[in-house]
């Protein structure tokens, strides 16, 4: 596709030896030049995709004369670029991978495989042109990506390293996080491109979609429920801070509780002190998660599903484990109002419709058809409409709402949620059947306001259709067509009983390219189809919709639509975007909060960059800055006599191949210990001919003790090694003890684990138990053992049993 903003003049500033394959917008061209010329970490705003920049970068280096490795890519990213460039996956066998490396080109490789290949010298490191790191915000000092880059940079000082990230907020958690990531990546430049960057603003303003904001009011009951939930959340946050005055909880606010990143905020604030928190504090935190789920479901779900969710928390069982919020007056009002949305004053089943449904049907049946008719030569049959929503459940909800009468849909959902229906309102008497497709045809459910709907009817008539609905809720896109446009009577609140939308089921895997152009197309899709961040971009390019309806709001989706519009040809019509949002609600506030948090993150990164001191390669201090020269050589060598001479060598540890999933091998290498990856039958680490170590995490320890596997492993170690060691390693962010949440089963306690360990040591008297609070402490212990500093090692070994 050619772009109206990209022509031959756009590439005049590119280096003379670089030819780009895929069109770039002006700001993308500027980013490409910066990234191409320097080793850098590039942080872009969410939704400002680096796909085209990366595609051109890979195009430049795809020649077999180069060898470029791409690491830390997601499954969808790897699949996308491998199909784009016709790349073949690396072989599973090591010798075959070595041949693939020697053939050059671009290779997507998992970090664990790359680390093993680098340690086994399968990769011609000196011939590697460079390494590209995706999702750079996940790279930490102890992770496998940092290990691979350290191995690469120690043996190749000239190859490039380029890192990409779309998550600026991730760099604000922790102390000097962006500097730590840059050290781990071995890059010296930081490029920041927020949405408010002047070049991006200028570029996207050159061609903009026509945007219409539709503010929808909540129903009276919904508005009152929202107020109740916010009151309860405010109360919970205040109580949480009141009993934890010494903790830093400035980020735990009611405003942040409703954002999608709330779980990450909680993790960053409380994970390291979780074991020190009281039971009441943990109850408050759990209740905040529950309340957040309820307030999100109030906005996204129908009235029946929300009432079913709320009813789960009005039980004696839940009352025993919550912090007490269900005893508040606001909670009592919440339960009453949730029921009032489903049952009327006569206790008849009469659920209220979701307010956005009316707005959506008005757009599809009135406003868009009328607007198409006004266009010169416009025809509704050639119109393409894209509806975007947050999750699969909403996709399924909209699909059934459009293809099924809404009264039928809500009536059916009541049965699926096991709600009690004794009588129904007058409008539900007309329901003749629900979609329950069987081999014998469609079964119907007849209702009578004077009769009870029995469980037998429910089971016999709805069992198969329930399976169909369950399957639908796992789908993330649907394609419908408009069979006829019927004028709605003035004052109607939603679709009439006569269905005007029908699904297009003959499309294989919903391939949009197979659609007929003679019919109006309505595509319903999530922002990220099954977690695929490329899905929206691909749908926009393939479908090229005339109208886009944002049923929910999403920052990344809005910016992807902006980029799509900017890349259109000059002869293409401008798309019209409808932004449906509940007015003065948590939905609107969550969107504004996400914008504010990203803006603050970029402002912090800009300030950090201005005061950050990173030496260049030319000043000779880069290796010192990146700590490339590992620990002092005098402290990290074995000294032994050979032929009357003192020979110094770096200590060597043999590591089982399966252990490269953990952080320990990377930390051992950073300590100056050579790593030899081998498939070991007995143990996980072999330090000396006498010392063998079996490493266990807490969960693995409990599992292997119960299964008896640990007994077998200890038997083998004691038979083959004179100094077998059982290393019990804790997570550095979790409590250093065996109590609390480490044991969750009622039939198992911490005392049981300790008794089994005592029996283990009695049975194997030569077996040493080592308790390590973190992989960092384990690395220190291994180094001391390798250097024969037993006095220091004994200090580490002598740890009170948790």
Foldseek 3Di string as FASTA:
>chain_A
DFFQQFDPVLCPPAPPLADFDDTDHNVLSVVLRVQVVFQEEEEEAFQPDCVSSVLRVLVRFQPQQAAEEEEPDDPLVVVVSCVVVVNDAADPDLVSNLVVLNSHGYYYDYLLVLLQCLLVVSHPLQRHQAYEYEQLLPDALLASLLLNQLSSCLVYVRHGYYYYHHDLLSQVQDDNSVLRSCLSRLGFYYHYHYCPPPVNVVLLVVFFFAEDEDAFAFDPLLVLLQVLLLVLLQVLLVVLCVVVVPFPDPVPDSLLLLAPCNVVSCCSRPLLPVVVDDLLNVLSVVVSPLSSVLQVCSQQPFLLVSLLSLVVCPDPVNCVRHNNSCVDPSNVSNNVSSLCQQAPPVRAGDHDGGQVQLVVQCVVQPVVCVVQVPDDVGDLQQAEEEEEEAALQSQLVVVCVQQAPVLLVSVLVNLVSVHFHAFHDPVNQPQWAHAQQDPVGADGDHDDRHGGDDPVCSCVHCVRVSVVSVVSSLFFKFKKFFQDRDDDDPPDRHDDRDRRIDTDPPDDVPDVLPDDSRTYMYMYGYCAGVNNVCVLLVCCVRRVGQEYEHSADDPSNVSVLSVSRSRDYPPDDRHYYYYYDHPPGSRVSNVVVVVVSSVVSSVVVVVCVVPDDADDVVVVCSCVSSVSPADDQVLAWAWDDDPNDTDTDGFEKEFESVCSNDSQVSLLVSNRYSYNYDHDPAAGIDRDQAEGEHEDELLRLVVCLVVVVVVVNLVVSVVRHQAYEYEYEYALSHDQACADPSDDDPVDGPVNSVVSVVVSCVVVVRYAYAYYDHSNLVSVLSSCVNRVVVVVNVVRRPDPHD
